Amino acid sequence: MGIEPGARLCLADLAGLYDRYGFETYLYFDEDLAGRSPLKDDLEDFRIVPEAARPFMRLPVFLRTMRKHDPEFSPENVTVEVIDCGTLEETYGCVLRPRPYLRCLLLGPGK
């Protein structure tokens, strides 16, 4: 993919990469949380919290939510910073499979 921690890109470009490569993408709204704990820990810590109430959200859920609440929402005007990337191990039946992910901090319009 060629994306490294520290890279900044617009949300529309990130969504395009998500569609093309299919990696899981998490957007964080809290800079402190984004920088201090691994994704695996955050997923565990917030597992009983509905996704819409977490301080982070999967990219497609975020885009759907924003478009629902603001029909004028434009991902081209929002910037994100890549915090880290890696793989999560997911279990499907009795098979353990690695799933690539990106973790990004939502910076807002034009940052």
PDB file of N, CA and C in Angstrom:
ATOM      1  N   MET A   1       0.819  -1.198   0.000  1.00  0.00           N
ATOM      2  CA  MET A   1       0.000   0.000   0.000  1.00  0.00           C
ATOM      3  C   MET A   1       0.859   1.256   0.000  1.00  0.00           C
ATOM      4  N   GLY A   2       2.001   1.214   0.639  1.00  0.00           N
ATOM      5  CA  GLY A   2       2.872   2.373   0.677  1.00  0.00           C
ATOM      6  C   GLY A   2       2.465   3.428   1.685  1.00  0.00           C
ATOM      7  N   ILE A   3       1.679   3.074   2.683  1.00  0.00           N
ATOM      8  CA  ILE A   3       1.270   4.030   3.717  1.00  0.00           C
ATOM      9  C   ILE A   3       2.064   3.732   4.981  1.00  0.00           C
ATOM     10  N   GLU A   4       2.620   4.779   5.582  1.00  0.00           N
ATOM     11  CA  GLU A   4       3.416   4.611   6.795  1.00  0.00           C
ATOM     12  C   GLU A   4       2.892   5.527   7.889  1.00  0.00           C
ATOM     13  N   PRO A   5       3.166   5.187   9.157  1.00  0.00           N
ATOM     14  CA  PRO A   5       2.775   6.066  10.258  1.00  0.00           C
ATOM     15  C   PRO A   5       3.311   7.477  10.045  1.00  0.00           C
ATOM     16  N   GLY A   6       2.467   8.450  10.376  1.00  0.00           N
ATOM     17  CA  GLY A   6       2.819   9.849  10.197  1.00  0.00           C
ATOM     18  C   GLY A   6       2.291  10.441   8.900  1.00  0.00           C
ATOM     19  N   ALA A   7       1.929   9.579   7.952  1.00  0.00           N
ATOM     20  CA  ALA A   7       1.393  10.074   6.676  1.00  0.00           C
ATOM     21  C   ALA A   7       0.043  10.739   6.909  1.00  0.00           C
ATOM     22  N   ARG A   8      -0.192  11.812   6.179  1.00  0.00           N
ATOM     23  CA  ARG A   8      -1.486  12.498   6.231  1.00  0.00           C
ATOM     24  C   ARG A   8      -2.134  12.402   4.861  1.00  0.00           C
ATOM     25  N   LEU A   9      -3.423  12.119   4.867  1.00  0.00           N
ATOM     26  CA  LEU A   9      -4.153  12.043   3.611  1.00  0.00           C
ATOM     27  C   LEU A   9      -5.599  12.416   3.845  1.00  0.00           C
ATOM     28  N   CYS A  10      -6.269  12.765   2.773  1.00  0.00           N
ATOM     29  CA  CYS A  10      -7.679  13.124   2.929  1.00  0.00           C
ATOM     30  C   CYS A  10      -8.497  11.838   3.089  1.00  0.00           C
ATOM     31  N   LEU A  11      -9.604  11.997   3.758  1.00  0.00           N
ATOM     32  CA  LEU A  11     -10.458  10.854   4.061  1.00  0.00           C
ATOM     33  C   LEU A  11     -10.961  10.172   2.792  1.00  0.00           C
ATOM     34  N   ALA A  12     -11.191  10.932   1.736  1.00  0.00           N
ATOM     35  CA  ALA A  12     -11.648  10.334   0.472  1.00  0.00           C
ATOM     36  C   ALA A  12     -10.582   9.410  -0.106  1.00  0.00           C
ATOM     37  N   ASP A  13      -9.311   9.822  -0.035  1.00  0.00           N
ATOM     38  CA  ASP A  13      -8.225   8.964  -0.524  1.00  0.00           C
ATOM     39  C   ASP A  13      -8.115   7.695   0.317  1.00  0.00           C
ATOM     40  N   LEU A  14      -8.257   7.852   1.633  1.00  0.00           N
ATOM     41  CA  LEU A  14      -8.213   6.693   2.524  1.00  0.00           C
ATOM     42  C   LEU A  14      -9.352   5.728   2.200  1.00  0.00           C
ATOM     43  N   ALA A  15     -10.536   6.261   1.960  1.00  0.00           N
ATOM     44  CA  ALA A  15     -11.684   5.415   1.606  1.00  0.00           C
ATOM     45  C   ALA A  15     -11.431   4.677   0.293  1.00  0.00           C
ATOM     46  N   GLY A  16     -10.786   5.338  -0.654  1.00  0.00           N
ATOM     47  CA  GLY A  16     -10.446   4.684  -1.921  1.00  0.00           C
ATOM     48  C   GLY A  16      -9.482   3.529  -1.721  1.00  0.00           C
ATOM     49  N   LEU A  17      -8.482   3.726  -0.864  1.00  0.00           N
ATOM     50  CA  LEU A  17      -7.528   2.651  -0.560  1.00  0.00           C
ATOM     51  C   LEU A  17      -8.228   1.498   0.154  1.00  0.00           C
ATOM     52  N   TYR A  18      -9.138   1.837   1.061  1.00  0.00           N
ATOM     53  CA  TYR A  18      -9.912   0.821   1.776  1.00  0.00           C
ATOM     54  C   TYR A  18     -10.702  -0.025   0.771  1.00  0.00           C
ATOM     55  N   ASP A  19     -11.361   0.638  -0.156  1.00  0.00           N
ATOM     56  CA  ASP A  19     -12.147  -0.085  -1.167  1.00  0.00           C
ATOM     57  C   ASP A  19     -11.261  -0.956  -2.051  1.00  0.00           C
ATOM     58  N   ARG A  20     -10.105  -0.450  -2.382  1.00  0.00           N
ATOM     59  CA  ARG A  20      -9.211  -1.174  -3.300  1.00  0.00           C
ATOM     60  C   ARG A  20      -8.521  -2.363  -2.639  1.00  0.00           C
ATOM     61  N   TYR A  21      -8.028  -2.172  -1.406  1.00  0.00           N
ATOM     62  CA  TYR A  21      -7.206  -3.208  -0.769  1.00  0.00           C
ATOM     63  C   TYR A  21      -7.927  -4.005   0.318  1.00  0.00           C
ATOM     64  N   GLY A  22      -9.020  -3.473   0.854  1.00  0.00           N
ATOM     65  CA  GLY A  22      -9.815  -4.227   1.813  1.00  0.00           C
ATOM     66  C   GLY A  22      -9.240  -4.369   3.212  1.00  0.00           C
ATOM     67  N   PHE A  23      -8.273  -3.541   3.593  1.00  0.00           N
ATOM     68  CA  PHE A  23      -7.742  -3.615   4.955  1.00  0.00           C
ATOM     69  C   PHE A  23      -8.706  -2.923   5.914  1.00  0.00           C
ATOM     70  N   GLU A  24      -8.745  -3.382   7.141  1.00  0.00           N
ATOM     71  CA  GLU A  24      -9.604  -2.776   8.150  1.00  0.00           C
ATOM     72  C   GLU A  24      -9.021  -1.414   8.515  1.00  0.00           C
ATOM     73  N   THR A  25      -9.865  -0.408   8.635  1.00  0.00           N
ATOM     74  CA  THR A  25      -9.404   0.942   8.945  1.00  0.00           C
ATOM     75  C   THR A  25     -10.203   1.484  10.115  1.00  0.00           C
ATOM     76  N   TYR A  26      -9.488   1.941  11.133  1.00  0.00           N
ATOM     77  CA  TYR A  26     -10.106   2.503  12.331  1.00  0.00           C
ATOM     78  C   TYR A  26      -9.753   3.974  12.432  1.00  0.00           C
ATOM     79  N   LEU A  27     -10.768   4.817  12.627  1.00  0.00           N
ATOM     80  CA  LEU A  27     -10.567   6.247  12.813  1.00  0.00           C
ATOM     81  C   LEU A  27     -10.725   6.571  14.289  1.00  0.00           C
ATOM     82  N   TYR A  28      -9.725   7.216  14.850  1.00  0.00           N
ATOM     83  CA  TYR A  28      -9.752   7.627  16.255  1.00  0.00           C
ATOM     84  C   TYR A  28     -10.107   9.099  16.342  1.00  0.00           C
ATOM     85  N   PHE A  29     -10.913   9.446  17.348  1.00  0.00           N
ATOM     86  CA  PHE A  29     -11.323  10.829  17.573  1.00  0.00           C
ATOM     87  C   PHE A  29     -10.541  11.441  18.728  1.00  0.00           C
ATOM     88  N   ASP A  30      -9.864  10.612  19.514  1.00  0.00           N
ATOM     89  CA  ASP A  30      -9.136  11.040  20.706  1.00  0.00           C
ATOM     90  C   ASP A  30      -7.644  10.809  20.497  1.00  0.00           C
ATOM     91  N   GLU A  31      -6.874  11.884  20.427  1.00  0.00           N
ATOM     92  CA  GLU A  31      -5.440  11.783  20.152  1.00  0.00           C
ATOM     93  C   GLU A  31      -4.699  11.010  21.239  1.00  0.00           C
ATOM     94  N   ASP A  32      -5.077  11.216  22.506  1.00  0.00           N
ATOM     95  CA  ASP A  32      -4.399  10.507  23.601  1.00  0.00           C
ATOM     96  C   ASP A  32      -4.591   9.002  23.485  1.00  0.00           C
ATOM     97  N   LEU A  33      -5.819   8.574  23.265  1.00  0.00           N
ATOM     98  CA  LEU A  33      -6.090   7.141  23.132  1.00  0.00           C
ATOM     99  C   LEU A  33      -5.386   6.572  21.903  1.00  0.00           C
ATOM    100  N   ALA A  34      -5.405   7.306  20.814  1.00  0.00           N
ATOM    101  CA  ALA A  34      -4.782   6.826  19.574  1.00  0.00           C
ATOM    102  C   ALA A  34      -3.294   6.576  19.747  1.00  0.00           C
ATOM    103  N   GLY A  35      -2.646   7.371  20.579  1.00  0.00           N
ATOM    104  CA  GLY A  35      -1.206   7.252  20.718  1.00  0.00           C
ATOM    105  C   GLY A  35      -0.713   6.372  21.838  1.00  0.00           C
ATOM    106  N   ARG A  36      -1.601   5.959  22.744  1.00  0.00           N
ATOM    107  CA  ARG A  36      -1.074   5.268  23.923  1.00  0.00           C
ATOM    108  C   ARG A  36      -1.368   3.775  24.014  1.00  0.00           C
ATOM    109  N   SER A  37      -2.321   3.280  23.256  1.00  0.00           N
ATOM    110  CA  SER A  37      -2.648   1.863  23.423  1.00  0.00           C
ATOM    111  C   SER A  37      -2.753   1.167  22.072  1.00  0.00           C
ATOM    112  N   PRO A  38      -2.390  -0.106  22.041  1.00  0.00           N
ATOM    113  CA  PRO A  38      -2.502  -0.868  20.786  1.00  0.00           C
ATOM    114  C   PRO A  38      -3.966  -1.105  20.402  1.00  0.00           C
ATOM    115  N   LEU A  39      -4.211  -1.239  19.121  1.00  0.00           N
ATOM    116  CA  LEU A  39      -5.564  -1.463  18.618  1.00  0.00           C
ATOM    117  C   LEU A  39      -6.210  -2.672  19.284  1.00  0.00           C
ATOM    118  N   LYS A  40      -5.471  -3.742  19.412  1.00  0.00           N
ATOM    119  CA  LYS A  40      -6.027  -4.962  20.014  1.00  0.00           C
ATOM    120  C   LYS A  40      -6.579  -4.678  21.411  1.00  0.00           C
ATOM    121  N   ASP A  41      -5.844  -3.893  22.203  1.00  0.00           N
ATOM    122  CA  ASP A  41      -6.304  -3.538  23.550  1.00  0.00           C
ATOM    123  C   ASP A  41      -7.557  -2.672  23.494  1.00  0.00           C
ATOM    124  N   ASP A  42      -7.579  -1.711  22.571  1.00  0.00           N
ATOM    125  CA  ASP A  42      -8.751  -0.839  22.450  1.00  0.00           C
ATOM    126  C   ASP A  42      -9.992  -1.639  22.064  1.00  0.00           C
ATOM    127  N   LEU A  43      -9.844  -2.552  21.132  1.00  0.00           N
ATOM    128  CA  LEU A  43     -10.985  -3.379  20.727  1.00  0.00           C
ATOM    129  C   LEU A  43     -11.497  -4.205  21.903  1.00  0.00           C
ATOM    130  N   GLU A  44     -10.587  -4.708  22.702  1.00  0.00           N
ATOM    131  CA  GLU A  44     -10.976  -5.487  23.882  1.00  0.00           C
ATOM    132  C   GLU A  44     -11.635  -4.586  24.935  1.00  0.00           C
ATOM    133  N   ASP A  45     -11.016  -3.447  25.224  1.00  0.00           N
ATOM    134  CA  ASP A  45     -11.531  -2.542  26.259  1.00  0.00           C
ATOM    135  C   ASP A  45     -12.921  -2.006  25.931  1.00  0.00           C
ATOM    136  N   PHE A  46     -13.217  -1.814  24.652  1.00  0.00           N
ATOM    137  CA  PHE A  46     -14.488  -1.214  24.242  1.00  0.00           C
ATOM    138  C   PHE A  46     -15.436  -2.220  23.596  1.00  0.00           C
ATOM    139  N   ARG A  47     -15.198  -3.503  23.786  1.00  0.00           N
ATOM    140  CA  ARG A  47     -15.996  -4.527  23.099  1.00  0.00           C
ATOM    141  C   ARG A  47     -17.483  -4.465  23.447  1.00  0.00           C
ATOM    142  N   ILE A  48     -17.841  -4.053  24.672  1.00  0.00           N
ATOM    143  CA  ILE A  48     -19.259  -4.014  25.038  1.00  0.00           C
ATOM    144  C   ILE A  48     -19.906  -2.656  24.737  1.00  0.00           C
ATOM    145  N   VAL A  49     -19.107  -1.697  24.288  1.00  0.00           N
ATOM    146  CA  VAL A  49     -19.616  -0.363  23.955  1.00  0.00           C
ATOM    147  C   VAL A  49     -20.062  -0.365  22.492  1.00  0.00           C
ATOM    148  N   PRO A  50     -21.271   0.108  22.205  1.00  0.00           N
ATOM    149  CA  PRO A  50     -21.699   0.174  20.802  1.00  0.00           C
ATOM    150  C   PRO A  50     -20.699   0.992  19.981  1.00  0.00           C
ATOM    151  N   GLU A  51     -20.459   0.568  18.754  1.00  0.00           N
ATOM    152  CA  GLU A  51     -19.426   1.216  17.941  1.00  0.00           C
ATOM    153  C   GLU A  51     -19.644   2.721  17.810  1.00  0.00           C
ATOM    154  N   ALA A  52     -20.886   3.158  17.704  1.00  0.00           N
ATOM    155  CA  ALA A  52     -21.169   4.588  17.550  1.00  0.00           C
ATOM    156  C   ALA A  52     -20.837   5.393  18.805  1.00  0.00           C
ATOM    157  N   ALA A  53     -20.637   4.724  19.940  1.00  0.00           N
ATOM    158  CA  ALA A  53     -20.327   5.417  21.195  1.00  0.00           C
ATOM    159  C   ALA A  53     -18.852   5.321  21.576  1.00  0.00           C
ATOM    160  N   ARG A  54     -18.054   4.665  20.770  1.00  0.00           N
ATOM    161  CA  ARG A  54     -16.624   4.508  21.062  1.00  0.00           C
ATOM    162  C   ARG A  54     -15.837   5.744  20.633  1.00  0.00           C
ATOM    163  N   PRO A  55     -14.626   5.921  21.197  1.00  0.00           N
ATOM    164  CA  PRO A  55     -13.769   7.029  20.756  1.00  0.00           C
ATOM    165  C   PRO A  55     -13.010   6.696  19.469  1.00  0.00           C
ATOM    166  N   PHE A  56     -13.402   5.631  18.812  1.00  0.00           N
ATOM    167  CA  PHE A  56     -12.861   5.238  17.505  1.00  0.00           C
ATOM    168  C   PHE A  56     -13.945   4.459  16.773  1.00  0.00           C
ATOM    169  N   MET A  57     -13.825   4.412  15.449  1.00  0.00           N
ATOM    170  CA  MET A  57     -14.873   3.784  14.648  1.00  0.00           C
ATOM    171  C   MET A  57     -14.257   3.254  13.356  1.00  0.00           C
ATOM    172  N   ARG A  58     -14.795   2.153  12.859  1.00  0.00           N
ATOM    173  CA  ARG A  58     -14.334   1.648  11.563  1.00  0.00           C
ATOM    174  C   ARG A  58     -14.727   2.652  10.475  1.00  0.00           C
ATOM    175  N   LEU A  59     -13.887   2.772   9.476  1.00  0.00           N
ATOM    176  CA  LEU A  59     -14.087   3.760   8.415  1.00  0.00           C
ATOM    177  C   LEU A  59     -15.466   3.695   7.762  1.00  0.00           C
ATOM    178  N   PRO A  60     -15.951   2.527   7.315  1.00  0.00           N
ATOM    179  CA  PRO A  60     -17.261   2.524   6.646  1.00  0.00           C
ATOM    180  C   PRO A  60     -18.402   2.959   7.570  1.00  0.00           C
ATOM    181  N   VAL A  61     -18.298   2.631   8.852  1.00  0.00           N
ATOM    182  CA  VAL A  61     -19.328   3.036   9.812  1.00  0.00           C
ATOM    183  C   VAL A  61     -19.294   4.556   9.980  1.00  0.00           C
ATOM    184  N   PHE A  62     -18.092   5.121  10.079  1.00  0.00           N
ATOM    185  CA  PHE A  62     -17.949   6.571  10.205  1.00  0.00           C
ATOM    186  C   PHE A  62     -18.547   7.284   8.992  1.00  0.00           C
ATOM    187  N   LEU A  63     -18.210   6.834   7.799  1.00  0.00           N
ATOM    188  CA  LEU A  63     -18.724   7.480   6.587  1.00  0.00           C
ATOM    189  C   LEU A  63     -20.246   7.390   6.507  1.00  0.00           C
ATOM    190  N   ARG A  64     -20.793   6.220   6.824  1.00  0.00           N
ATOM    191  CA  ARG A  64     -22.249   6.040   6.816  1.00  0.00           C
ATOM    192  C   ARG A  64     -22.912   6.976   7.823  1.00  0.00           C
ATOM    193  N   THR A  65     -22.342   7.045   9.030  1.00  0.00           N
ATOM    194  CA  THR A  65     -22.891   7.885  10.098  1.00  0.00           C
ATOM    195  C   THR A  65     -22.859   9.354   9.703  1.00  0.00           C
ATOM    196  N   MET A  66     -21.726   9.800   9.175  1.00  0.00           N
ATOM    197  CA  MET A  66     -21.603  11.209   8.785  1.00  0.00           C
ATOM    198  C   MET A  66     -22.578  11.559   7.664  1.00  0.00           C
ATOM    199  N   ARG A  67     -22.719  10.691   6.691  1.00  0.00           N
ATOM    200  CA  ARG A  67     -23.633  10.975   5.571  1.00  0.00           C
ATOM    201  C   ARG A  67     -25.094  10.972   6.023  1.00  0.00           C
ATOM    202  N   LYS A  68     -25.391  10.160   7.025  1.00  0.00           N
ATOM    203  CA  LYS A  68     -26.747  10.107   7.564  1.00  0.00           C
ATOM    204  C   LYS A  68     -27.083  11.402   8.298  1.00  0.00           C
ATOM    205  N   HIS A  69     -26.134  11.895   9.105  1.00  0.00           N
ATOM    206  CA  HIS A  69     -26.386  13.088   9.918  1.00  0.00           C
ATOM    207  C   HIS A  69     -26.123  14.396   9.176  1.00  0.00           C
ATOM    208  N   ASP A  70     -25.307  14.342   8.132  1.00  0.00           N
ATOM    209  CA  ASP A  70     -24.972  15.549   7.377  1.00  0.00           C
ATOM    210  C   ASP A  70     -24.867  15.211   5.892  1.00  0.00           C
ATOM    211  N   PRO A  71     -25.960  15.363   5.160  1.00  0.00           N
ATOM    212  CA  PRO A  71     -25.944  15.033   3.737  1.00  0.00           C
ATOM    213  C   PRO A  71     -24.905  15.834   2.939  1.00  0.00           C
ATOM    214  N   GLU A  72     -24.446  16.952   3.478  1.00  0.00           N
ATOM    215  CA  GLU A  72     -23.436  17.791   2.819  1.00  0.00           C
ATOM    216  C   GLU A  72     -22.009  17.330   3.132  1.00  0.00           C
ATOM    217  N   PHE A  73     -21.864  16.316   3.979  1.00  0.00           N
ATOM    218  CA  PHE A  73     -20.528  15.861   4.394  1.00  0.00           C
ATOM    219  C   PHE A  73     -19.689  15.473   3.179  1.00  0.00           C
ATOM    220  N   SER A  74     -18.441  15.944   3.175  1.00  0.00           N
ATOM    221  CA  SER A  74     -17.525  15.652   2.072  1.00  0.00           C
ATOM    222  C   SER A  74     -16.211  15.107   2.623  1.00  0.00           C
ATOM    223  N   PRO A  75     -15.903  13.832   2.375  1.00  0.00           N
ATOM    224  CA  PRO A  75     -14.652  13.263   2.881  1.00  0.00           C
ATOM    225  C   PRO A  75     -13.410  13.900   2.257  1.00  0.00           C
ATOM    226  N   GLU A  76     -13.575  14.606   1.154  1.00  0.00           N
ATOM    227  CA  GLU A  76     -12.436  15.286   0.522  1.00  0.00           C
ATOM    228  C   GLU A  76     -11.894  16.408   1.395  1.00  0.00           C
ATOM    229  N   ASN A  77     -12.724  16.936   2.293  1.00  0.00           N
ATOM    230  CA  ASN A  77     -12.333  18.074   3.126  1.00  0.00           C
ATOM    231  C   ASN A  77     -11.818  17.674   4.502  1.00  0.00           C
ATOM    232  N   VAL A  78     -11.677  16.389   4.755  1.00  0.00           N
ATOM    233  CA  VAL A  78     -11.254  15.910   6.075  1.00  0.00           C
ATOM    234  C   VAL A  78      -9.899  15.220   5.945  1.00  0.00           C
ATOM    235  N   THR A  79      -9.001  15.539   6.879  1.00  0.00           N
ATOM    236  CA  THR A  79      -7.657  14.962   6.868  1.00  0.00           C
ATOM    237  C   THR A  79      -7.502  13.974   8.012  1.00  0.00           C
ATOM    238  N   VAL A  80      -6.769  12.899   7.752  1.00  0.00           N
ATOM    239  CA  VAL A  80      -6.429  11.923   8.791  1.00  0.00           C
ATOM    240  C   VAL A  80      -4.914  11.738   8.804  1.00  0.00           C
ATOM    241  N   GLU A  81      -4.409  11.333   9.964  1.00  0.00           N
ATOM    242  CA  GLU A  81      -2.991  10.992  10.096  1.00  0.00           C
ATOM    243  C   GLU A  81      -2.884   9.525  10.472  1.00  0.00           C
ATOM    244  N   VAL A  82      -2.055   8.789   9.763  1.00  0.00           N
ATOM    245  CA  VAL A  82      -1.866   7.369  10.053  1.00  0.00           C
ATOM    246  C   VAL A  82      -1.074   7.242  11.351  1.00  0.00           C
ATOM    247  N   ILE A  83      -1.637   6.528  12.312  1.00  0.00           N
ATOM    248  CA  ILE A  83      -0.988   6.300  13.605  1.00  0.00           C
ATOM    249  C   ILE A  83      -0.126   5.048  13.537  1.00  0.00           C
ATOM    250  N   ASP A  84      -0.707   3.971  13.065  1.00  0.00           N
ATOM    251  CA  ASP A  84       0.064   2.742  12.873  1.00  0.00           C
ATOM    252  C   ASP A  84      -0.664   1.803  11.927  1.00  0.00           C
ATOM    253  N   CYS A  85       0.040   0.770  11.532  1.00  0.00           N
ATOM    254  CA  CYS A  85      -0.534  -0.263  10.684  1.00  0.00           C
ATOM    255  C   CYS A  85       0.033  -1.599  11.147  1.00  0.00           C
ATOM    256  N   GLY A  86      -0.693  -2.635  10.871  1.00  0.00           N
ATOM    257  CA  GLY A  86      -0.253  -3.960  11.299  1.00  0.00           C
ATOM    258  C   GLY A  86      -1.272  -5.006  10.908  1.00  0.00           C
ATOM    259  N   THR A  87      -1.274  -6.095  11.648  1.00  0.00           N
ATOM    260  CA  THR A  87      -2.248  -7.155  11.404  1.00  0.00           C
ATOM    261  C   THR A  87      -2.878  -7.582  12.717  1.00  0.00           C
ATOM    262  N   LEU A  88      -4.144  -7.892  12.645  1.00  0.00           N
ATOM    263  CA  LEU A  88      -4.880  -8.484  13.756  1.00  0.00           C
ATOM    264  C   LEU A  88      -5.139  -9.931  13.394  1.00  0.00           C
ATOM    265  N   GLU A  89      -5.108 -10.786  14.366  1.00  0.00           N
ATOM    266  CA  GLU A  89      -5.428 -12.193  14.127  1.00  0.00           C
ATOM    267  C   GLU A  89      -6.904 -12.390  14.435  1.00  0.00           C
ATOM    268  N   GLU A  90      -7.653 -12.840  13.446  1.00  0.00           N
ATOM    269  CA  GLU A  90      -9.072 -13.088  13.606  1.00  0.00           C
ATOM    270  C   GLU A  90      -9.360 -14.568  13.439  1.00  0.00           C
ATOM    271  N   THR A  91     -10.321 -15.042  14.207  1.00  0.00           N
ATOM    272  CA  THR A  91     -10.707 -16.443  14.125  1.00  0.00           C
ATOM    273  C   THR A  91     -12.004 -16.563  13.337  1.00  0.00           C
ATOM    274  N   TYR A  92     -11.989 -17.403  12.318  1.00  0.00           N
ATOM    275  CA  TYR A  92     -13.175 -17.740  11.539  1.00  0.00           C
ATOM    276  C   TYR A  92     -13.359 -19.240  11.649  1.00  0.00           C
ATOM    277  N   GLY A  93     -14.366 -19.642  12.441  1.00  0.00           N
ATOM    278  CA  GLY A  93     -14.525 -21.069  12.711  1.00  0.00           C
ATOM    279  C   GLY A  93     -13.323 -21.531  13.501  1.00  0.00           C
ATOM    280  N   CYS A  94     -12.574 -22.446  12.956  1.00  0.00           N
ATOM    281  CA  CYS A  94     -11.372 -22.931  13.641  1.00  0.00           C
ATOM    282  C   CYS A  94     -10.097 -22.472  12.922  1.00  0.00           C
ATOM    283  N   VAL A  95     -10.229 -21.451  12.075  1.00  0.00           N
ATOM    284  CA  VAL A  95      -9.078 -20.956  11.316  1.00  0.00           C
ATOM    285  C   VAL A  95      -8.674 -19.577  11.834  1.00  0.00           C
ATOM    286  N   LEU A  96      -7.396 -19.426  12.128  1.00  0.00           N
ATOM    287  CA  LEU A  96      -6.856 -18.142  12.548  1.00  0.00           C
ATOM    288  C   LEU A  96      -6.257 -17.462  11.324  1.00  0.00           C
ATOM    289  N   ARG A  97      -6.762 -16.269  11.005  1.00  0.00           N
ATOM    290  CA  ARG A  97      -6.246 -15.605   9.807  1.00  0.00           C
ATOM    291  C   ARG A  97      -5.826 -14.177  10.142  1.00  0.00           C
ATOM    292  N   PRO A  98      -4.715 -13.747   9.571  1.00  0.00           N
ATOM    293  CA  PRO A  98      -4.274 -12.371   9.802  1.00  0.00           C
ATOM    294  C   PRO A  98      -5.096 -11.397   8.956  1.00  0.00           C
ATOM    295  N   ARG A  99      -5.406 -10.266   9.520  1.00  0.00           N
ATOM    296  CA  ARG A  99      -6.175  -9.231   8.810  1.00  0.00           C
ATOM    297  C   ARG A  99      -5.418  -7.911   8.940  1.00  0.00           C
ATOM    298  N   PRO A 100      -4.958  -7.332   7.827  1.00  0.00           N
ATOM    299  CA  PRO A 100      -4.231  -6.066   7.901  1.00  0.00           C
ATOM    300  C   PRO A 100      -5.147  -4.917   8.337  1.00  0.00           C
ATOM    301  N   TYR A 101      -4.564  -3.945   9.037  1.00  0.00           N
ATOM    302  CA  TYR A 101      -5.339  -2.790   9.478  1.00  0.00           C
ATOM    303  C   TYR A 101      -4.501  -1.519   9.417  1.00  0.00           C
ATOM    304  N   LEU A 102      -5.208  -0.404   9.383  1.00  0.00           N
ATOM    305  CA  LEU A 102      -4.640   0.928   9.561  1.00  0.00           C
ATOM    306  C   LEU A 102      -5.383   1.570  10.717  1.00  0.00           C
ATOM    307  N   ARG A 103      -4.654   2.305  11.510  1.00  0.00           N
ATOM    308  CA  ARG A 103      -5.259   3.070  12.599  1.00  0.00           C
ATOM    309  C   ARG A 103      -4.912   4.529  12.342  1.00  0.00           C
ATOM    310  N   CYS A 104      -5.930   5.375  12.253  1.00  0.00           N
ATOM    311  CA  CYS A 104      -5.727   6.777  11.879  1.00  0.00           C
ATOM    312  C   CYS A 104      -6.400   7.709  12.882  1.00  0.00           C
ATOM    313  N   LEU A 105      -5.822   8.885  13.032  1.00  0.00           N
ATOM    314  CA  LEU A 105      -6.399   9.936  13.862  1.00  0.00           C
ATOM    315  C   LEU A 105      -7.129  10.910  12.951  1.00  0.00           C
ATOM    316  N   LEU A 106      -8.372  11.177  13.272  1.00  0.00           N
ATOM    317  CA  LEU A 106      -9.165  12.130  12.508  1.00  0.00           C
ATOM    318  C   LEU A 106      -8.730  13.539  12.908  1.00  0.00           C
ATOM    319  N   LEU A 107      -8.195  14.294  11.960  1.00  0.00           N
ATOM    320  CA  LEU A 107      -7.691  15.639  12.244  1.00  0.00           C
ATOM    321  C   LEU A 107      -8.713  16.719  11.940  1.00  0.00           C
ATOM    322  N   GLY A 108      -9.614  16.448  11.049  1.00  0.00           N
ATOM    323  CA  GLY A 108     -10.641  17.423  10.721  1.00  0.00           C
ATOM    324  C   GLY A 108     -10.390  18.101   9.392  1.00  0.00           C
ATOM    325  N   PRO A 109     -11.178  19.128   9.112  1.00  0.00           N
ATOM    326  CA  PRO A 109     -11.073  19.810   7.822  1.00  0.00           C
ATOM    327  C   PRO A 109      -9.733  20.523   7.643  1.00  0.00           C
ATOM    328  N   GLY A 110      -9.092  20.256   6.533  1.00  0.00           N
ATOM    329  CA  GLY A 110      -7.913  20.983   6.107  1.00  0.00           C
ATOM    330  C   GLY A 110      -6.725  21.025   7.035  1.00  0.00           C
ATOM    331  N   LYS A 111      -6.564  20.112   7.937  1.00  0.00           N
ATOM    332  CA  LYS A 111      -5.434  20.132   8.884  1.00  0.00           C
ATOM    333  C   LYS A 111      -4.169  19.631   8.242  1.00  0.00           C
TER     334      LYS A 111
END
